[in-house]
All heavy atoms as atom14 arrays in JSON, in Angstrom:
{
  "sequence": "ERYRRKTNLVLLDPDVAQAFPNDEAVNEALRLLIQVAQRQQPNTTT",
  "atom14_mask": [
    [1, 1, 1, 1, 1, 1, 1, 1, 1, 0, 0, 0, 0, 0],
    [1, 1, 1, 1, 1, 1, 1, 1, 1, 1, 1, 0, 0, 0],
    [1, 1, 1, 1, 1, 1, 1, 1, 1, 1, 1, 1, 0, 0],
    [1, 1, 1, 1, 1, 1, 1, 1, 1, 1, 1, 0, 0, 0],
    [1, 1, 1, 1, 1, 1, 1, 1, 1, 1, 1, 0, 0, 0],
    [1, 1, 1, 1, 1, 1, 1, 1, 1, 0, 0, 0, 0, 0],
    [1, 1, 1, 1, 1, 1, 1, 0, 0, 0, 0, 0, 0, 0],
    [1, 1, 1, 1, 1, 1, 1, 1, 0, 0, 0, 0, 0, 0],
    [1, 1, 1, 1, 1, 1, 1, 1, 0, 0, 0, 0, 0, 0],
    [1, 1, 1, 1, 1, 1, 1, 0, 0, 0, 0, 0, 0, 0],
    [1, 1, 1, 1, 1, 1, 1, 1, 0, 0, 0, 0, 0, 0],
    [1, 1, 1, 1, 1, 1, 1, 1, 0, 0, 0, 0, 0, 0],
    [1, 1, 1, 1, 1, 1, 1, 1, 0, 0, 0, 0, 0, 0],
    [1, 1, 1, 1, 1, 1, 1, 0, 0, 0, 0, 0, 0, 0],
    [1, 1, 1, 1, 1, 1, 1, 1, 0, 0, 0, 0, 0, 0],
    [1, 1, 1, 1, 1, 1, 1, 0, 0, 0, 0, 0, 0, 0],
    [1, 1, 1, 1, 1, 0, 0, 0, 0, 0, 0, 0, 0, 0],
    [1, 1, 1, 1, 1, 1, 1, 1, 1, 0, 0, 0, 0, 0],
    [1, 1, 1, 1, 1, 0, 0, 0, 0, 0, 0, 0, 0, 0],
    [1, 1, 1, 1, 1, 1, 1, 1, 1, 1, 1, 0, 0, 0],
    [1, 1, 1, 1, 1, 1, 1, 0, 0, 0, 0, 0, 0, 0],
    [1, 1, 1, 1, 1, 1, 1, 1, 0, 0, 0, 0, 0, 0],
    [1, 1, 1, 1, 1, 1, 1, 1, 0, 0, 0, 0, 0, 0],
    [1, 1, 1, 1, 1, 1, 1, 1, 1, 0, 0, 0, 0, 0],
    [1, 1, 1, 1, 1, 0, 0, 0, 0, 0, 0, 0, 0, 0],
    [1, 1, 1, 1, 1, 1, 1, 0, 0, 0, 0, 0, 0, 0],
    [1, 1, 1, 1, 1, 1, 1, 1, 0, 0, 0, 0, 0, 0],
    [1, 1, 1, 1, 1, 1, 1, 1, 1, 0, 0, 0, 0, 0],
    [1, 1, 1, 1, 1, 0, 0, 0, 0, 0, 0, 0, 0, 0],
    [1, 1, 1, 1, 1, 1, 1, 1, 0, 0, 0, 0, 0, 0],
    [1, 1, 1, 1, 1, 1, 1, 1, 1, 1, 1, 0, 0, 0],
    [1, 1, 1, 1, 1, 1, 1, 1, 0, 0, 0, 0, 0, 0],
    [1, 1, 1, 1, 1, 1, 1, 1, 0, 0, 0, 0, 0, 0],
    [1, 1, 1, 1, 1, 1, 1, 1, 0, 0, 0, 0, 0, 0],
    [1, 1, 1, 1, 1, 1, 1, 1, 1, 0, 0, 0, 0, 0],
    [1, 1, 1, 1, 1, 1, 1, 0, 0, 0, 0, 0, 0, 0],
    [1, 1, 1, 1, 1, 0, 0, 0, 0, 0, 0, 0, 0, 0],
    [1, 1, 1, 1, 1, 1, 1, 1, 1, 0, 0, 0, 0, 0],
    [1, 1, 1, 1, 1, 1, 1, 1, 1, 1, 1, 0, 0, 0],
    [1, 1, 1, 1, 1, 1, 1, 1, 1, 0, 0, 0, 0, 0],
    [1, 1, 1, 1, 1, 1, 1, 1, 1, 0, 0, 0, 0, 0],
    [1, 1, 1, 1, 1, 1, 1, 0, 0, 0, 0, 0, 0, 0],
    [1, 1, 1, 1, 1, 1, 1, 1, 0, 0, 0, 0, 0, 0],
    [1, 1, 1, 1, 1, 1, 1, 0, 0, 0, 0, 0, 0, 0],
    [1, 1, 1, 1, 1, 1, 1, 0, 0, 0, 0, 0, 0, 0],
    [1, 1, 1, 1, 1, 1, 1, 0, 0, 0, 0, 0, 0, 0]
  ],
  "atom14_positions": [
    [[-69.0, -21.02, -88.57], [-68.56, -20.59, -89.9], [-69.71, -20.64, -90.91], [-69.89, -19.74, -91.71], [-67.39, -21.44, -90.39], [-66.88, -21.04, -91.75], [-66.44, -19.59, -91.85], [-65.95, -19.02, -90.86], [-66.6, -18.99, -92.94], [0.0, 0.0, 0.0], [0.0, 0.0, 0.0], [0.0, 0.0, 0.0], [0.0, 0.0, 0.0], [0.0, 0.0, 0.0]],
    [[-70.51, -21.69, -90.86], [-71.66, -21.78, -91.76], [-72.66, -20.67, -91.48], [-73.24, -20.1, -92.41], [-72.34, -23.15, -91.62], [-71.54, -24.27, -92.22], [-72.26, -25.58, -92.07], [-71.47, -26.66, -92.64], [-71.84, -27.92, -92.58], [-72.97, -28.27, -92.0], [-71.07, -28.85, -93.11], [0.0, 0.0, 0.0], [0.0, 0.0, 0.0], [0.0, 0.0, 0.0]],
    [[-72.87, -20.36, -90.22], [-73.78, -19.28, -89.85], [-73.27, -17.95, -90.41], [-74.03, -17.16, -90.96], [-73.91, -19.21, -88.33], [-74.8, -18.09, -87.87], [-76.19, -18.2, -87.93], [-74.25, -16.9, -87.38], [-77.0, -17.17, -87.51], [-75.06, -15.86, -86.96], [-76.43, -16.0, -87.03], [-77.24, -14.97, -86.62], [0.0, 0.0, 0.0], [0.0, 0.0, 0.0]],
    [[-71.99, -17.73, -90.3], [-71.41, -16.49, -90.83], [-71.58, -16.39, -92.34], [-71.72, -15.29, -92.87], [-69.92, -16.41, -90.47], [-69.68, -16.12, -89.02], [-68.21, -15.99, -88.73], [-68.0, -15.74, -87.31], [-66.94, -16.1, -86.63], [-65.95, -16.75, -87.23], [-66.84, -15.84, -85.35], [0.0, 0.0, 0.0], [0.0, 0.0, 0.0], [0.0, 0.0, 0.0]],
    [[-71.56, -17.52, -93.02], [-71.75, -17.53, -94.48], [-73.23, -17.51, -94.84], [-73.59, -17.63, -96.0], [-71.09, -18.76, -95.1], [-69.59, -18.67, -95.1], [-69.0, -19.84, -95.85], [-69.02, -21.03, -94.99], [-69.1, -22.28, -95.42], [-69.17, -22.54, -96.7], [-69.12, -23.28, -94.57], [0.0, 0.0, 0.0], [0.0, 0.0, 0.0], [0.0, 0.0, 0.0]],
    [[-74.08, -17.39, -93.82], [-75.53, -17.35, -93.99], [-76.09, -18.65, -94.57], [-77.05, -18.65, -95.31], [-75.95, -16.14, -94.81], [-75.54, -14.85, -94.14], [-76.11, -13.66, -94.79], [-75.54, -12.47, -94.03], [-76.3, -11.33, -94.06], [0.0, 0.0, 0.0], [0.0, 0.0, 0.0], [0.0, 0.0, 0.0], [0.0, 0.0, 0.0], [0.0, 0.0, 0.0]],
    [[-75.44, -19.75, -94.25], [-75.95, -21.07, -94.62], [-77.08, -21.42, -93.65], [-77.01, -21.12, -92.47], [-74.83, -22.12, -94.5], [-73.79, -21.76, -95.38], [-75.33, -23.5, -94.84], [0.0, 0.0, 0.0], [0.0, 0.0, 0.0], [0.0, 0.0, 0.0], [0.0, 0.0, 0.0], [0.0, 0.0, 0.0], [0.0, 0.0, 0.0], [0.0, 0.0, 0.0]],
    [[-78.12, -22.05, -94.16], [-79.22, -22.46, -93.29], [-78.76, -23.56, -92.35], [-78.14, -24.53, -92.78], [-80.41, -22.96, -94.11], [-81.08, -21.87, -94.89], [-81.02, -20.71, -94.51], [-81.7, -22.22, -95.98], [0.0, 0.0, 0.0], [0.0, 0.0, 0.0], [0.0, 0.0, 0.0], [0.0, 0.0, 0.0], [0.0, 0.0, 0.0], [0.0, 0.0, 0.0]],
    [[-79.09, -23.41, -91.1], [-78.82, -24.44, -90.11], [-80.15, -24.98, -89.61], [-81.06, -24.21, -89.34], [-78.04, -23.87, -88.92], [-76.67, -23.29, -89.22], [-76.06, -22.69, -87.96], [-75.75, -24.36, -89.77], [0.0, 0.0, 0.0], [0.0, 0.0, 0.0], [0.0, 0.0, 0.0], [0.0, 0.0, 0.0], [0.0, 0.0, 0.0], [0.0, 0.0, 0.0]],
    [[-80.24, -26.28, -89.51], [-81.46, -26.92, -89.06], [-81.1, -27.88, -87.94], [-80.18, -28.7, -88.08], [-82.14, -27.69, -90.22], [-83.38, -28.41, -89.73], [-82.48, -26.74, -91.35], [0.0, 0.0, 0.0], [0.0, 0.0, 0.0], [0.0, 0.0, 0.0], [0.0, 0.0, 0.0], [0.0, 0.0, 0.0], [0.0, 0.0, 0.0], [0.0, 0.0, 0.0]],
    [[-81.82, -27.81, -86.85], [-81.59, -28.71, -85.73], [-82.53, -29.92, -85.9], [-83.75, -29.76, -85.92], [-81.88, -28.0, -84.41], [-81.7, -28.84, -83.16], [-80.24, -29.3, -83.05], [-82.09, -28.04, -81.94], [0.0, 0.0, 0.0], [0.0, 0.0, 0.0], [0.0, 0.0, 0.0], [0.0, 0.0, 0.0], [0.0, 0.0, 0.0], [0.0, 0.0, 0.0]],
    [[-81.93, -31.08, -86.04], [-82.72, -32.31, -86.19], [-82.98, -32.92, -84.82], [-82.11, -32.89, -83.94], [-81.96, -33.32, -87.04], [-81.59, -32.89, -88.46], [-80.77, -33.97, -89.14], [-82.82, -32.56, -89.27], [0.0, 0.0, 0.0], [0.0, 0.0, 0.0], [0.0, 0.0, 0.0], [0.0, 0.0, 0.0], [0.0, 0.0, 0.0], [0.0, 0.0, 0.0]],
    [[-84.16, -33.49, -84.66], [-84.43, -34.24, -83.45], [-83.48, -35.44, -83.41], [-83.08, -35.95, -84.46], [-85.88, -34.73, -83.43], [-86.88, -33.6, -83.17], [-86.45, -32.55, -82.64], [-88.06, -33.78, -83.51], [0.0, 0.0, 0.0], [0.0, 0.0, 0.0], [0.0, 0.0, 0.0], [0.0, 0.0, 0.0], [0.0, 0.0, 0.0], [0.0, 0.0, 0.0]],
    [[-83.14, -35.9, -82.22], [-82.16, -36.98, -82.1], [-82.51, -38.23, -82.89], [-81.64, -38.84, -83.51], [-82.12, -37.27, -80.6], [-82.51, -35.99, -79.96], [-83.52, -35.37, -80.9], [0.0, 0.0, 0.0], [0.0, 0.0, 0.0], [0.0, 0.0, 0.0], [0.0, 0.0, 0.0], [0.0, 0.0, 0.0], [0.0, 0.0, 0.0], [0.0, 0.0, 0.0]],
    [[-83.79, -38.61, -82.92], [-84.17, -39.82, -83.65], [-84.0, -39.65, -85.15], [-83.62, -40.58, -85.86], [-85.6, -40.25, -83.31], [-86.63, -39.19, -83.67], [-86.37, -37.99, -83.44], [-87.7, -39.56, -84.18], [0.0, 0.0, 0.0], [0.0, 0.0, 0.0], [0.0, 0.0, 0.0], [0.0, 0.0, 0.0], [0.0, 0.0, 0.0], [0.0, 0.0, 0.0]],
    [[-84.22, -38.44, -85.66], [-84.02, -38.17, -87.08], [-82.54, -38.12, -87.4], [-82.07, -38.72, -88.37], [-84.72, -36.85, -87.48], [-84.43, -36.5, -88.93], [-86.22, -36.94, -87.24], [0.0, 0.0, 0.0], [0.0, 0.0, 0.0], [0.0, 0.0, 0.0], [0.0, 0.0, 0.0], [0.0, 0.0, 0.0], [0.0, 0.0, 0.0], [0.0, 0.0, 0.0]],
    [[-81.77, -37.42, -86.58], [-80.33, -37.3, -86.79], [-79.65, -38.66, -86.8], [-78.69, -38.88, -87.54], [-79.71, -36.4, -85.72], [0.0, 0.0, 0.0], [0.0, 0.0, 0.0], [0.0, 0.0, 0.0], [0.0, 0.0, 0.0], [0.0, 0.0, 0.0], [0.0, 0.0, 0.0], [0.0, 0.0, 0.0], [0.0, 0.0, 0.0], [0.0, 0.0, 0.0]],
    [[-80.16, -39.58, -86.02], [-79.57, -40.91, -85.92], [-79.67, -41.67, -87.25], [-78.87, -42.55, -87.53], [-80.29, -41.69, -84.82], [-79.58, -42.92, -84.37], [-80.24, -43.52, -83.15], [-81.44, -43.38, -82.93], [-79.46, -44.19, -82.34], [0.0, 0.0, 0.0], [0.0, 0.0, 0.0], [0.0, 0.0, 0.0], [0.0, 0.0, 0.0], [0.0, 0.0, 0.0]],
    [[-80.63, -41.31, -88.08], [-80.83, -41.99, -89.35], [-79.85, -41.54, -90.44], [-79.77, -42.18, -91.48], [-82.27, -41.77, -89.83], [0.0, 0.0, 0.0], [0.0, 0.0, 0.0], [0.0, 0.0, 0.0], [0.0, 0.0, 0.0], [0.0, 0.0, 0.0], [0.0, 0.0, 0.0], [0.0, 0.0, 0.0], [0.0, 0.0, 0.0], [0.0, 0.0, 0.0]],
    [[-79.12, -40.45, -90.19], [-78.24, -39.89, -91.2], [-76.81, -39.77, -90.68], [-76.59, -39.21, -89.61], [-78.73, -38.51, -91.63], [-80.1, -38.54, -92.22], [-81.21, -38.23, -91.45], [-80.29, -38.9, -93.54], [-82.49, -38.26, -92.0], [-81.56, -38.94, -94.1], [-82.65, -38.62, -93.32], [0.0, 0.0, 0.0], [0.0, 0.0, 0.0], [0.0, 0.0, 0.0]],
    [[-75.83, -40.25, -91.46], [-74.44, -40.18, -91.0], [-73.83, -38.79, -91.09], [-72.89, -38.48, -90.37], [-73.72, -41.16, -91.93], [-74.55, -41.19, -93.16], [-75.97, -40.99, -92.71], [0.0, 0.0, 0.0], [0.0, 0.0, 0.0], [0.0, 0.0, 0.0], [0.0, 0.0, 0.0], [0.0, 0.0, 0.0], [0.0, 0.0, 0.0], [0.0, 0.0, 0.0]],
    [[-74.37, -37.93, -91.99], [-73.79, -36.6, -92.17], [-74.76, -35.68, -92.91], [-75.84, -36.11, -93.32], [-72.45, -36.69, -92.92], [-72.6, -37.42, -94.24], [-73.55, -37.22, -94.98], [-71.65, -38.3, -94.53], [0.0, 0.0, 0.0], [0.0, 0.0, 0.0], [0.0, 0.0, 0.0], [0.0, 0.0, 0.0], [0.0, 0.0, 0.0], [0.0, 0.0, 0.0]],
    [[-74.34, -34.43, -93.1], [-75.21, -33.45, -93.75], [-75.47, -33.79, -95.21], [-76.55, -33.52, -95.75], [-74.66, -32.03, -93.6], [-73.26, -31.86, -94.14], [-72.51, -32.85, -94.22], [-72.9, -30.72, -94.47], [0.0, 0.0, 0.0], [0.0, 0.0, 0.0], [0.0, 0.0, 0.0], [0.0, 0.0, 0.0], [0.0, 0.0, 0.0], [0.0, 0.0, 0.0]],
    [[-74.51, -34.39, -95.87], [-74.71, -34.77, -97.27], [-75.84, -35.78, -97.41], [-76.64, -35.71, -98.35], [-73.42, -35.33, -97.86], [-72.33, -34.3, -98.02], [-71.02, -34.9, -98.51], [-71.02, -36.06, -98.96], [-70.01, -34.2, -98.42], [0.0, 0.0, 0.0], [0.0, 0.0, 0.0], [0.0, 0.0, 0.0], [0.0, 0.0, 0.0], [0.0, 0.0, 0.0]],
    [[-75.92, -36.71, -96.48], [-76.98, -37.72, -96.52], [-78.35, -37.08, -96.29], [-79.34, -37.46, -96.93], [-76.72, -38.8, -95.47], [0.0, 0.0, 0.0], [0.0, 0.0, 0.0], [0.0, 0.0, 0.0], [0.0, 0.0, 0.0], [0.0, 0.0, 0.0], [0.0, 0.0, 0.0], [0.0, 0.0, 0.0], [0.0, 0.0, 0.0], [0.0, 0.0, 0.0]],
    [[-78.41, -36.1, -95.41], [-79.68, -35.39, -95.16], [-80.1, -34.66, -96.43], [-81.25, -34.74, -96.86], [-79.54, -34.4, -93.98], [-80.8, -33.55, -93.84], [-79.25, -35.15, -92.69], [0.0, 0.0, 0.0], [0.0, 0.0, 0.0], [0.0, 0.0, 0.0], [0.0, 0.0, 0.0], [0.0, 0.0, 0.0], [0.0, 0.0, 0.0], [0.0, 0.0, 0.0]],
    [[-79.17, -33.95, -97.04], [-79.49, -33.2, -98.25], [-79.94, -34.12, -99.38], [-80.9, -33.82, -100.1], [-78.29, -32.36, -98.69], [-78.09, -31.16, -97.8], [-79.04, -30.57, -97.31], [-76.85, -30.8, -97.59], [0.0, 0.0, 0.0], [0.0, 0.0, 0.0], [0.0, 0.0, 0.0], [0.0, 0.0, 0.0], [0.0, 0.0, 0.0], [0.0, 0.0, 0.0]],
    [[-79.28, -35.25, -99.54], [-79.65, -36.21, -100.58], [-81.08, -36.73, -100.35], [-81.88, -36.8, -101.27], [-78.67, -37.38, -100.6], [-78.93, -38.38, -101.68], [-77.92, -39.52, -101.69], [-76.8, -39.34, -101.19], [-78.27, -40.58, -102.21], [0.0, 0.0, 0.0], [0.0, 0.0, 0.0], [0.0, 0.0, 0.0], [0.0, 0.0, 0.0], [0.0, 0.0, 0.0]],
    [[-81.39, -37.05, -99.1], [-82.74, -37.55, -98.78], [-83.79, -36.47, -99.03], [-84.87, -36.76, -99.57], [-82.79, -38.01, -97.33], [0.0, 0.0, 0.0], [0.0, 0.0, 0.0], [0.0, 0.0, 0.0], [0.0, 0.0, 0.0], [0.0, 0.0, 0.0], [0.0, 0.0, 0.0], [0.0, 0.0, 0.0], [0.0, 0.0, 0.0], [0.0, 0.0, 0.0]],
    [[-83.49, -35.24, -98.67], [-84.45, -34.16, -98.88], [-84.65, -33.87, -100.37], [-85.78, -33.61, -100.81], [-84.01, -32.9, -98.15], [-84.11, -32.97, -96.63], [-83.5, -31.73, -95.99], [-85.56, -33.14, -96.2], [0.0, 0.0, 0.0], [0.0, 0.0, 0.0], [0.0, 0.0, 0.0], [0.0, 0.0, 0.0], [0.0, 0.0, 0.0], [0.0, 0.0, 0.0]],
    [[-83.58, -33.93, -101.14], [-83.72, -33.73, -102.59], [-84.59, -34.82, -103.22], [-85.41, -34.54, -104.1], [-82.34, -33.7, -103.25], [-81.61, -32.41, -102.98], [-80.28, -32.34, -103.74], [-79.59, -31.11, -103.39], [-78.54, -31.04, -102.57], [-78.04, -32.15, -102.05], [-77.98, -29.89, -102.29], [0.0, 0.0, 0.0], [0.0, 0.0, 0.0], [0.0, 0.0, 0.0]],
    [[-84.41, -36.04, -102.77], [-85.24, -37.14, -103.26], [-86.7, -36.92, -102.89], [-87.6, -37.11, -103.7], [-84.74, -38.47, -102.72], [-85.52, -39.71, -103.14], [-85.5, -39.87, -104.66], [-84.93, -40.94, -102.48], [0.0, 0.0, 0.0], [0.0, 0.0, 0.0], [0.0, 0.0, 0.0], [0.0, 0.0, 0.0], [0.0, 0.0, 0.0], [0.0, 0.0, 0.0]],
    [[-86.93, -36.49, -101.67], [-88.3, -36.22, -101.22], [-88.94, -35.1, -102.05], [-90.12, -35.17, -102.41], [-88.3, -35.85, -99.74], [-89.65, -35.58, -99.1], [-90.56, -36.79, -99.22], [-89.48, -35.19, -97.65], [0.0, 0.0, 0.0], [0.0, 0.0, 0.0], [0.0, 0.0, 0.0], [0.0, 0.0, 0.0], [0.0, 0.0, 0.0], [0.0, 0.0, 0.0]],
    [[-88.17, -34.08, -102.37], [-88.67, -32.98, -103.22], [-89.08, -33.52, -104.59], [-90.14, -33.17, -105.11], [-87.61, -31.87, -103.35], [-87.43, -31.14, -102.02], [-87.97, -30.89, -104.47], [-86.2, -30.24, -101.96], [0.0, 0.0, 0.0], [0.0, 0.0, 0.0], [0.0, 0.0, 0.0], [0.0, 0.0, 0.0], [0.0, 0.0, 0.0], [0.0, 0.0, 0.0]],
    [[-88.24, -34.37, -105.17], [-88.56, -34.96, -106.48], [-89.85, -35.77, -106.43], [-90.7, -35.65, -107.32], [-87.42, -35.84, -106.97], [-86.18, -35.07, -107.36], [-85.04, -36.02, -107.74], [-85.22, -37.24, -107.79], [-83.88, -35.46, -108.01], [0.0, 0.0, 0.0], [0.0, 0.0, 0.0], [0.0, 0.0, 0.0], [0.0, 0.0, 0.0], [0.0, 0.0, 0.0]],
    [[-90.0, -36.56, -105.4], [-91.2, -37.38, -105.25], [-92.43, -36.48, -105.1], [-93.46, -36.7, -105.74], [-91.07, -38.35, -104.05], [-92.4, -39.01, -103.72], [-90.0, -39.39, -104.33], [0.0, 0.0, 0.0], [0.0, 0.0, 0.0], [0.0, 0.0, 0.0], [0.0, 0.0, 0.0], [0.0, 0.0, 0.0], [0.0, 0.0, 0.0], [0.0, 0.0, 0.0]],
    [[-92.32, -35.46, -104.28], [-93.45, -34.54, -104.07], [-93.82, -33.82, -105.36], [-95.01, -33.64, -105.66], [-93.1, -33.54, -102.98], [0.0, 0.0, 0.0], [0.0, 0.0, 0.0], [0.0, 0.0, 0.0], [0.0, 0.0, 0.0], [0.0, 0.0, 0.0], [0.0, 0.0, 0.0], [0.0, 0.0, 0.0], [0.0, 0.0, 0.0], [0.0, 0.0, 0.0]],
    [[-92.83, -33.42, -106.13], [-93.11, -32.72, -107.39], [-93.8, -33.64, -108.39], [-94.66, -33.2, -109.15], [-91.81, -32.16, -107.98], [-91.29, -30.99, -107.21], [-89.91, -30.52, -107.67], [-89.18, -31.25, -108.33], [-89.57, -29.3, -107.32], [0.0, 0.0, 0.0], [0.0, 0.0, 0.0], [0.0, 0.0, 0.0], [0.0, 0.0, 0.0], [0.0, 0.0, 0.0]],
    [[-93.46, -34.91, -108.38], [-94.11, -35.86, -109.28], [-95.56, -36.11, -108.89], [-96.38, -36.48, -109.73], [-93.35, -37.19, -109.29], [-92.03, -37.09, -109.99], [-91.34, -38.43, -110.02], [-89.97, -38.26, -110.47], [-88.93, -38.92, -110.01], [-89.11, -39.85, -109.08], [-87.74, -38.71, -110.46], [0.0, 0.0, 0.0], [0.0, 0.0, 0.0], [0.0, 0.0, 0.0]],
    [[-95.89, -35.92, -107.63], [-97.24, -36.15, -107.13], [-98.18, -35.0, -107.43], [-99.39, -35.15, -107.36], [-97.22, -36.43, -105.61], [-96.43, -37.65, -105.23], [-96.98, -38.92, -105.85], [-98.18, -39.16, -105.86], [-96.1, -39.75, -106.38], [0.0, 0.0, 0.0], [0.0, 0.0, 0.0], [0.0, 0.0, 0.0], [0.0, 0.0, 0.0], [0.0, 0.0, 0.0]],
    [[-97.62, -33.84, -107.75], [-98.45, -32.66, -108.03], [-99.06, -32.81, -109.42], [-98.4, -33.22, -110.37], [-97.62, -31.39, -107.97], [-97.11, -31.08, -106.57], [-96.23, -29.85, -106.56], [-95.87, -29.29, -107.59], [-95.87, -29.42, -105.38], [0.0, 0.0, 0.0], [0.0, 0.0, 0.0], [0.0, 0.0, 0.0], [0.0, 0.0, 0.0], [0.0, 0.0, 0.0]],
    [[-100.35, -32.44, -109.54], [-100.98, -32.53, -110.86], [-100.34, -31.53, -111.82], [-99.94, -30.44, -111.44], [-102.44, -32.18, -110.58], [-102.45, -31.5, -109.26], [-101.22, -31.96, -108.51], [0.0, 0.0, 0.0], [0.0, 0.0, 0.0], [0.0, 0.0, 0.0], [0.0, 0.0, 0.0], [0.0, 0.0, 0.0], [0.0, 0.0, 0.0], [0.0, 0.0, 0.0]],
    [[-100.26, -31.93, -113.08], [-99.69, -31.06, -114.11], [-100.75, -30.06, -114.54], [-101.77, -30.41, -115.11], [-99.24, -31.91, -115.31], [-98.5, -31.08, -116.33], [-98.41, -29.87, -116.22], [-97.95, -31.76, -117.32], [0.0, 0.0, 0.0], [0.0, 0.0, 0.0], [0.0, 0.0, 0.0], [0.0, 0.0, 0.0], [0.0, 0.0, 0.0], [0.0, 0.0, 0.0]],
    [[-100.52, -28.78, -114.25], [-101.52, -27.74, -114.55], [-101.12, -26.9, -115.75], [-101.68, -25.85, -115.99], [-101.71, -26.83, -113.32], [-100.43, -26.25, -112.99], [-102.26, -27.58, -112.15], [0.0, 0.0, 0.0], [0.0, 0.0, 0.0], [0.0, 0.0, 0.0], [0.0, 0.0, 0.0], [0.0, 0.0, 0.0], [0.0, 0.0, 0.0], [0.0, 0.0, 0.0]],
    [[-100.16, -27.37, -116.56], [-99.69, -26.58, -117.7], [-100.41, -26.92, -118.98], [-100.08, -26.39, -120.03], [-98.16, -26.79, -117.91], [-97.92, -28.17, -118.13], [-97.37, -26.27, -116.71], [0.0, 0.0, 0.0], [0.0, 0.0, 0.0], [0.0, 0.0, 0.0], [0.0, 0.0, 0.0], [0.0, 0.0, 0.0], [0.0, 0.0, 0.0], [0.0, 0.0, 0.0]],
    [[-101.42, -27.79, -118.95], [-102.14, -28.16, -120.17], [-103.36, -27.32, -120.39], [-103.9, -26.71, -119.58], [-102.55, -29.65, -120.15], [-103.31, -29.9, -118.98], [-101.34, -30.52, -120.27], [0.0, 0.0, 0.0], [0.0, 0.0, 0.0], [0.0, 0.0, 0.0], [0.0, 0.0, 0.0], [0.0, 0.0, 0.0], [0.0, 0.0, 0.0], [0.0, 0.0, 0.0]]
  ]
}
């Protein structure tokens, strides 16, 4: 059903999947990682 709705599907390696109880936890962790990465980028708007 997700594929039909054109939702992205990602296959996690077993060791990575074991660290997350569900898709919401994966998304939360990835959003946090995005925030951290964005903070590490130099500010080029000055």
